[in-house]
Amino acid sequence: MNNLIDSLIKEFKKQNIIRGKNIFDNFLAYCYHALGGKKDDKYKGTRASILKYISANKSQITLILTRN
């Protein structure tokens, strides 16, 4: 799971435009779209568990996101 989160963070940081003031909310929205959030498919439960894991580890992920 951590490899997936690390790769999502890496791709998120590659973006030149980060909108809004809350970087964690931006990252969560990015993950939702990167994991195919608009689709209604058989991976809906897996996508939800990944987003719950990200939300549960908010402080650690925010720390990683704010580092250069």
C-alpha atoms as a PDB file:
ATOM      1  CA  MET A   1       0.000   0.000   0.000  1.00  0.00           C
ATOM      2  CA  ASN A   2       2.841   2.384   0.796  1.00  0.00           C
ATOM      3  CA  ASN A   3       4.324   1.954  -2.683  1.00  0.00           C
ATOM      4  CA  LEU A   4       1.004   3.002  -4.182  1.00  0.00           C
ATOM      5  CA  ILE A   5       0.777   6.026  -1.889  1.00  0.00           C
ATOM      6  CA  ASP A   6       4.387   6.996  -2.667  1.00  0.00           C
ATOM      7  CA  SER A   7       3.769   6.819  -6.407  1.00  0.00           C
ATOM      8  CA  LEU A   8       0.573   8.884  -6.057  1.00  0.00           C
ATOM      9  CA  ILE A   9       2.483  11.504  -4.055  1.00  0.00           C
ATOM     10  CA  LYS A  10       5.248  11.584  -6.657  1.00  0.00           C
ATOM     11  CA  GLU A  11       2.770  12.117  -9.497  1.00  0.00           C
ATOM     12  CA  PHE A  12       0.871  14.719  -7.470  1.00  0.00           C
ATOM     13  CA  LYS A  13       4.044  16.710  -6.865  1.00  0.00           C
ATOM     14  CA  LYS A  14       4.804  16.717 -10.604  1.00  0.00           C
ATOM     15  CA  GLN A  15       1.749  18.897 -11.187  1.00  0.00           C
ATOM     16  CA  ASN A  16       2.629  22.543 -11.662  1.00  0.00           C
ATOM     17  CA  ILE A  17      -0.737  23.858 -10.488  1.00  0.00           C
ATOM     18  CA  ILE A  18      -1.966  23.050  -7.003  1.00  0.00           C
ATOM     19  CA  ARG A  19      -5.287  24.739  -6.325  1.00  0.00           C
ATOM     20  CA  GLY A  20      -6.611  25.747  -2.947  1.00  0.00           C
ATOM     21  CA  LYS A  21      -4.961  26.192   0.401  1.00  0.00           C
ATOM     22  CA  ASN A  22      -5.305  22.702   1.827  1.00  0.00           C
ATOM     23  CA  ILE A  23      -2.750  20.462   0.154  1.00  0.00           C
ATOM     24  CA  PHE A  24      -4.168  17.281   1.703  1.00  0.00           C
ATOM     25  CA  ASP A  25      -7.647  17.891   0.277  1.00  0.00           C
ATOM     26  CA  ASN A  26      -6.085  18.533  -3.124  1.00  0.00           C
ATOM     27  CA  PHE A  27      -4.146  15.281  -2.839  1.00  0.00           C
ATOM     28  CA  LEU A  28      -7.244  13.343  -1.812  1.00  0.00           C
ATOM     29  CA  ALA A  29      -9.171  14.694  -4.804  1.00  0.00           C
ATOM     30  CA  TYR A  30      -6.225  13.858  -7.085  1.00  0.00           C
ATOM     31  CA  CYS A  31      -6.143  10.290  -5.754  1.00  0.00           C
ATOM     32  CA  TYR A  32      -9.875   9.920  -6.295  1.00  0.00           C
ATOM     33  CA  HIS A  33      -9.538  10.933  -9.943  1.00  0.00           C
ATOM     34  CA  ALA A  34      -6.294   9.002 -10.492  1.00  0.00           C
ATOM     35  CA  LEU A  35      -7.923   5.829  -9.185  1.00  0.00           C
ATOM     36  CA  GLY A  36     -10.824   6.245 -11.594  1.00  0.00           C
ATOM     37  CA  GLY A  37     -13.332   7.861  -9.269  1.00  0.00           C
ATOM     38  CA  LYS A  38     -15.884   8.673 -11.964  1.00  0.00           C
ATOM     39  CA  LYS A  39     -16.209   5.041 -13.029  1.00  0.00           C
ATOM     40  CA  ASP A  40     -18.702   2.697 -11.434  1.00  0.00           C
ATOM     41  CA  ASP A  41     -16.944  -0.635 -11.702  1.00  0.00           C
ATOM     42  CA  LYS A  42     -15.960  -3.698  -9.722  1.00  0.00           C
ATOM     43  CA  TYR A  43     -13.000  -1.857  -8.116  1.00  0.00           C
ATOM     44  CA  LYS A  44     -15.215   0.593  -6.267  1.00  0.00           C
ATOM     45  CA  GLY A  45     -14.608  -1.121  -2.904  1.00  0.00           C
ATOM     46  CA  THR A  46     -10.851  -1.246  -3.409  1.00  0.00           C
ATOM     47  CA  ARG A  47     -10.786   2.433  -4.338  1.00  0.00           C
ATOM     48  CA  ALA A  48     -12.790   3.272  -1.208  1.00  0.00           C
ATOM     49  CA  SER A  49     -10.435   1.305   1.046  1.00  0.00           C
ATOM     50  CA  ILE A  50      -7.411   3.092  -0.435  1.00  0.00           C
ATOM     51  CA  LEU A  51      -9.025   6.489   0.166  1.00  0.00           C
ATOM     52  CA  LYS A  52      -9.917   5.461   3.749  1.00  0.00           C
ATOM     53  CA  TYR A  53      -6.293   4.435   4.313  1.00  0.00           C
ATOM     54  CA  ILE A  54      -5.141   7.828   3.021  1.00  0.00           C
ATOM     55  CA  SER A  55      -7.618   9.617   5.294  1.00  0.00           C
ATOM     56  CA  ALA A  56      -6.553   7.565   8.302  1.00  0.00           C
ATOM     57  CA  ASN A  57      -2.903   8.512   7.750  1.00  0.00           C
ATOM     58  CA  LYS A  58      -3.593  12.184   7.103  1.00  0.00           C
ATOM     59  CA  SER A  59      -0.842  13.588   9.345  1.00  0.00           C
ATOM     60  CA  GLN A  60       1.910  11.377   7.883  1.00  0.00           C
ATOM     61  CA  ILE A  61       0.858  12.059   4.295  1.00  0.00           C
ATOM     62  CA  THR A  62       0.555  15.804   4.918  1.00  0.00           C
ATOM     63  CA  LEU A  63       4.087  15.783   6.297  1.00  0.00           C
ATOM     64  CA  ILE A  64       5.368  14.041   3.165  1.00  0.00           C
ATOM     65  CA  LEU A  65       3.426  16.414   0.900  1.00  0.00           C
ATOM     66  CA  THR A  66       4.806  19.554   2.537  1.00  0.00           C
ATOM     67  CA  ARG A  67       8.411  18.411   2.269  1.00  0.00           C
ATOM     68  CA  ASN A  68      10.228  19.476  -0.874  1.00  0.00           C
END
